[in-house]
C-alpha atoms as a PDB file:
ATOM      1  CA  MET A   1      -0.343   5.838 -17.594  1.00  0.00           C
ATOM      2  CA  ASN A   2      -0.990   2.509 -15.864  1.00  0.00           C
ATOM      3  CA  THR A   3      -3.881   2.137 -13.445  1.00  0.00           C
ATOM      4  CA  ILE A   4      -4.697  -0.824 -11.246  1.00  0.00           C
ATOM      5  CA  ASP A   5      -8.183  -2.033 -12.091  1.00  0.00           C
ATOM      6  CA  SER A   6      -8.503  -4.834  -9.544  1.00  0.00           C
ATOM      7  CA  TYR A   7      -6.580  -7.116  -7.199  1.00  0.00           C
ATOM      8  CA  GLN A   8      -7.358 -10.470  -5.661  1.00  0.00           C
ATOM      9  CA  PHE A   9      -5.065 -13.139  -4.235  1.00  0.00           C
ATOM     10  CA  GLY A  10      -2.598 -14.124  -6.951  1.00  0.00           C
ATOM     11  CA  CYS A  11      -4.111 -11.936  -9.678  1.00  0.00           C
ATOM     12  CA  ILE A  12      -4.011  -8.266 -10.574  1.00  0.00           C
ATOM     13  CA  THR A  13      -5.493  -6.368 -13.507  1.00  0.00           C
ATOM     14  CA  ILE A  14      -3.555  -3.328 -14.678  1.00  0.00           C
ATOM     15  CA  SER A  15      -4.912  -1.113 -17.449  1.00  0.00           C
ATOM     16  CA  GLY A  16      -7.163  -3.951 -18.603  1.00  0.00           C
ATOM     17  CA  ARG A  17      -4.472  -6.661 -18.656  1.00  0.00           C
ATOM     18  CA  GLU A  18      -4.393  -9.508 -16.122  1.00  0.00           C
ATOM     19  CA  TYR A  19      -1.175 -10.640 -14.402  1.00  0.00           C
ATOM     20  CA  THR A  20      -0.649 -13.671 -12.171  1.00  0.00           C
ATOM     21  CA  SER A  21       2.917 -13.115 -11.000  1.00  0.00           C
ATOM     22  CA  ASP A  22       4.495 -10.396  -8.887  1.00  0.00           C
ATOM     23  CA  VAL A  23       4.834  -7.109 -10.764  1.00  0.00           C
ATOM     24  CA  VAL A  24       6.379  -3.678 -10.653  1.00  0.00           C
ATOM     25  CA  VAL A  25       4.066  -1.029 -12.068  1.00  0.00           C
ATOM     26  CA  PHE A  26       5.901   1.856 -13.696  1.00  0.00           C
ATOM     27  CA  PRO A  27       4.109   4.843 -15.235  1.00  0.00           C
ATOM     28  CA  ASP A  28       4.787   3.547 -18.761  1.00  0.00           C
ATOM     29  CA  ARG A  29       5.208  -0.227 -18.369  1.00  0.00           C
ATOM     30  CA  VAL A  30       4.704  -3.254 -16.140  1.00  0.00           C
ATOM     31  CA  LYS A  31       7.671  -5.417 -15.188  1.00  0.00           C
ATOM     32  CA  LEU A  32       6.476  -9.019 -15.157  1.00  0.00           C
ATOM     33  CA  ASP A  33       7.682 -11.815 -12.880  1.00  0.00           C
ATOM     34  CA  TRP A  34       9.277  -9.574 -10.267  1.00  0.00           C
ATOM     35  CA  TRP A  35      11.499 -11.943  -8.285  1.00  0.00           C
ATOM     36  CA  ARG A  36      13.390 -11.027  -5.179  1.00  0.00           C
ATOM     37  CA  LYS A  37      16.758 -12.285  -3.967  1.00  0.00           C
ATOM     38  CA  ILE A  38      15.017 -14.146  -1.139  1.00  0.00           C
ATOM     39  CA  GLY A  39      11.247 -14.717  -1.428  1.00  0.00           C
ATOM     40  CA  HIS A  40       9.508 -12.473   1.089  1.00  0.00           C
ATOM     41  CA  ARG A  41      12.345 -10.015   1.724  1.00  0.00           C
ATOM     42  CA  ILE A  42      13.119  -6.984  -0.372  1.00  0.00           C
ATOM     43  CA  TYR A  43      16.816  -6.170  -0.728  1.00  0.00           C
ATOM     44  CA  PRO A  44      18.165  -3.020  -2.403  1.00  0.00           C
ATOM     45  CA  GLU A  45      19.093  -4.966  -5.552  1.00  0.00           C
ATOM     46  CA  ASP A  46      15.485  -6.166  -5.833  1.00  0.00           C
ATOM     47  CA  ILE A  47      14.394  -2.598  -6.538  1.00  0.00           C
ATOM     48  CA  ALA A  48      17.408  -1.403  -8.548  1.00  0.00           C
ATOM     49  CA  GLU A  49      15.242  -0.838 -11.626  1.00  0.00           C
ATOM     50  CA  VAL A  50      12.822   1.216  -9.534  1.00  0.00           C
ATOM     51  CA  MET A  51      15.626   3.360  -8.174  1.00  0.00           C
ATOM     52  CA  ALA A  52      17.008   3.916 -11.689  1.00  0.00           C
ATOM     53  CA  GLU A  53      13.572   5.285 -12.644  1.00  0.00           C
ATOM     54  CA  ASN A  54      13.884   7.790  -9.739  1.00  0.00           C
ATOM     55  CA  PRO A  55      10.198   8.011  -8.771  1.00  0.00           C
ATOM     56  CA  GLU A  56       8.938  10.429  -6.174  1.00  0.00           C
ATOM     57  CA  VAL A  57       7.095   7.594  -4.409  1.00  0.00           C
ATOM     58  CA  LEU A  58       7.481   3.818  -4.197  1.00  0.00           C
ATOM     59  CA  VAL A  59       4.391   1.946  -3.027  1.00  0.00           C
ATOM     60  CA  VAL A  60       5.237  -1.573  -1.875  1.00  0.00           C
ATOM     61  CA  GLY A  61       2.406  -4.069  -1.717  1.00  0.00           C
ATOM     62  CA  THR A  62       3.404  -6.676   0.851  1.00  0.00           C
ATOM     63  CA  GLY A  63       0.878  -9.281  -0.264  1.00  0.00           C
ATOM     64  CA  MET A  64      -2.637 -10.181   0.807  1.00  0.00           C
ATOM     65  CA  TRP A  65      -1.549 -10.696   4.435  1.00  0.00           C
ATOM     66  CA  GLY A  66       1.575  -8.550   4.565  1.00  0.00           C
ATOM     67  CA  MET A  67       4.163 -11.325   4.474  1.00  0.00           C
ATOM     68  CA  THR A  68       6.758  -9.443   2.384  1.00  0.00           C
ATOM     69  CA  LYS A  69       9.185  -7.261   4.347  1.00  0.00           C
ATOM     70  CA  LEU A  70      11.596  -4.502   3.349  1.00  0.00           C
ATOM     71  CA  LEU A  71      15.012  -4.841   4.903  1.00  0.00           C
ATOM     72  CA  PRO A  72      16.345  -1.815   6.821  1.00  0.00           C
ATOM     73  CA  GLU A  73      19.130  -1.318   4.262  1.00  0.00           C
ATOM     74  CA  THR A  74      16.510  -1.123   1.506  1.00  0.00           C
ATOM     75  CA  LYS A  75      14.648   1.596   3.366  1.00  0.00           C
ATOM     76  CA  GLU A  76      17.925   3.469   3.892  1.00  0.00           C
ATOM     77  CA  VAL A  77      18.823   3.362   0.190  1.00  0.00           C
ATOM     78  CA  LEU A  78      15.415   4.711  -0.777  1.00  0.00           C
ATOM     79  CA  GLN A  79      15.619   7.461   1.834  1.00  0.00           C
ATOM     80  CA  ALA A  80      19.114   8.437   0.672  1.00  0.00           C
ATOM     81  CA  GLN A  81      17.800   8.803  -2.892  1.00  0.00           C
ATOM     82  CA  GLY A  82      14.870  10.907  -1.684  1.00  0.00           C
ATOM     83  CA  ILE A  83      12.195   8.381  -2.667  1.00  0.00           C
ATOM     84  CA  ARG A  84       9.161   8.420  -0.374  1.00  0.00           C
ATOM     85  CA  LEU A  85       8.243   4.895   0.696  1.00  0.00           C
ATOM     86  CA  ILE A  86       4.736   3.613   1.421  1.00  0.00           C
ATOM     87  CA  VAL A  87       4.441  -0.011   2.582  1.00  0.00           C
ATOM     88  CA  GLU A  88       0.947  -1.543   2.774  1.00  0.00           C
ATOM     89  CA  GLU A  89      -0.906  -4.789   2.270  1.00  0.00           C
ATOM     90  CA  ASN A  90      -1.882  -5.131  -1.389  1.00  0.00           C
ATOM     91  CA  GLU A  91      -5.488  -4.025  -1.384  1.00  0.00           C
ATOM     92  CA  LYS A  92      -4.597  -0.734   0.276  1.00  0.00           C
ATOM     93  CA  ALA A  93      -1.372  -0.382  -1.763  1.00  0.00           C
ATOM     94  CA  CYS A  94      -3.351  -0.661  -5.012  1.00  0.00           C
ATOM     95  CA  HIS A  95      -5.714   2.116  -3.889  1.00  0.00           C
ATOM     96  CA  THR A  96      -2.777   4.262  -2.785  1.00  0.00           C
ATOM     97  CA  TYR A  97      -1.032   3.856  -6.150  1.00  0.00           C
ATOM     98  CA  ASN A  98      -4.214   4.804  -8.033  1.00  0.00           C
ATOM     99  CA  ARG A  99      -4.734   7.837  -5.821  1.00  0.00           C
ATOM    100  CA  LEU A 100      -1.156   9.101  -6.284  1.00  0.00           C
ATOM    101  CA  TRP A 101      -0.362   8.531  -9.961  1.00  0.00           C
ATOM    102  CA  HIS A 102      -2.413  11.575 -11.010  1.00  0.00           C
ATOM    103  CA  SER A 103      -0.156  13.996  -9.167  1.00  0.00           C
ATOM    104  CA  GLN A 104       3.193  12.263  -8.553  1.00  0.00           C
ATOM    105  CA  LYS A 105       5.681  10.006 -10.300  1.00  0.00           C
ATOM    106  CA  VAL A 106       4.844   6.775  -8.503  1.00  0.00           C
ATOM    107  CA  VAL A 107       5.913   3.160  -8.915  1.00  0.00           C
ATOM    108  CA  ALA A 108       4.267   0.150  -7.232  1.00  0.00           C
ATOM    109  CA  ALA A 109       6.064  -3.121  -6.437  1.00  0.00           C
ATOM    110  CA  LEU A 110       3.482  -5.791  -5.625  1.00  0.00           C
ATOM    111  CA  HIS A 111       3.765  -9.315  -4.244  1.00  0.00           C
ATOM    112  CA  LEU A 112       0.494 -10.889  -5.377  1.00  0.00           C
ATOM    113  CA  THR A 113       0.055 -13.755  -2.947  1.00  0.00           C
ATOM    114  CA  CYS A 114       0.714 -14.082   0.770  1.00  0.00           C
END
């Protein structure tokens, strides 16, 4: 199971390994270089792999200052699939993910900079 060890602007350590690009943290793997269709907006296709995993919870880290936004249609798709959505700035999102992974199938999608 992956745990988030630390986060600072542009850098995250997950289960002892450091990453410097946006990531999606699955229970059994980390997707590197998570790119979105348009920079700071999250479209449904940007989280298609997450939805295929069918987690109970998706924690979205919107960056250090919360610049990344989920589009309404993305929220609707998640709701229709029954995936609980938590959207927070990264520091809080990392803590939320670590708190939840013990008891729920949770995935975190994290924008590491702004």
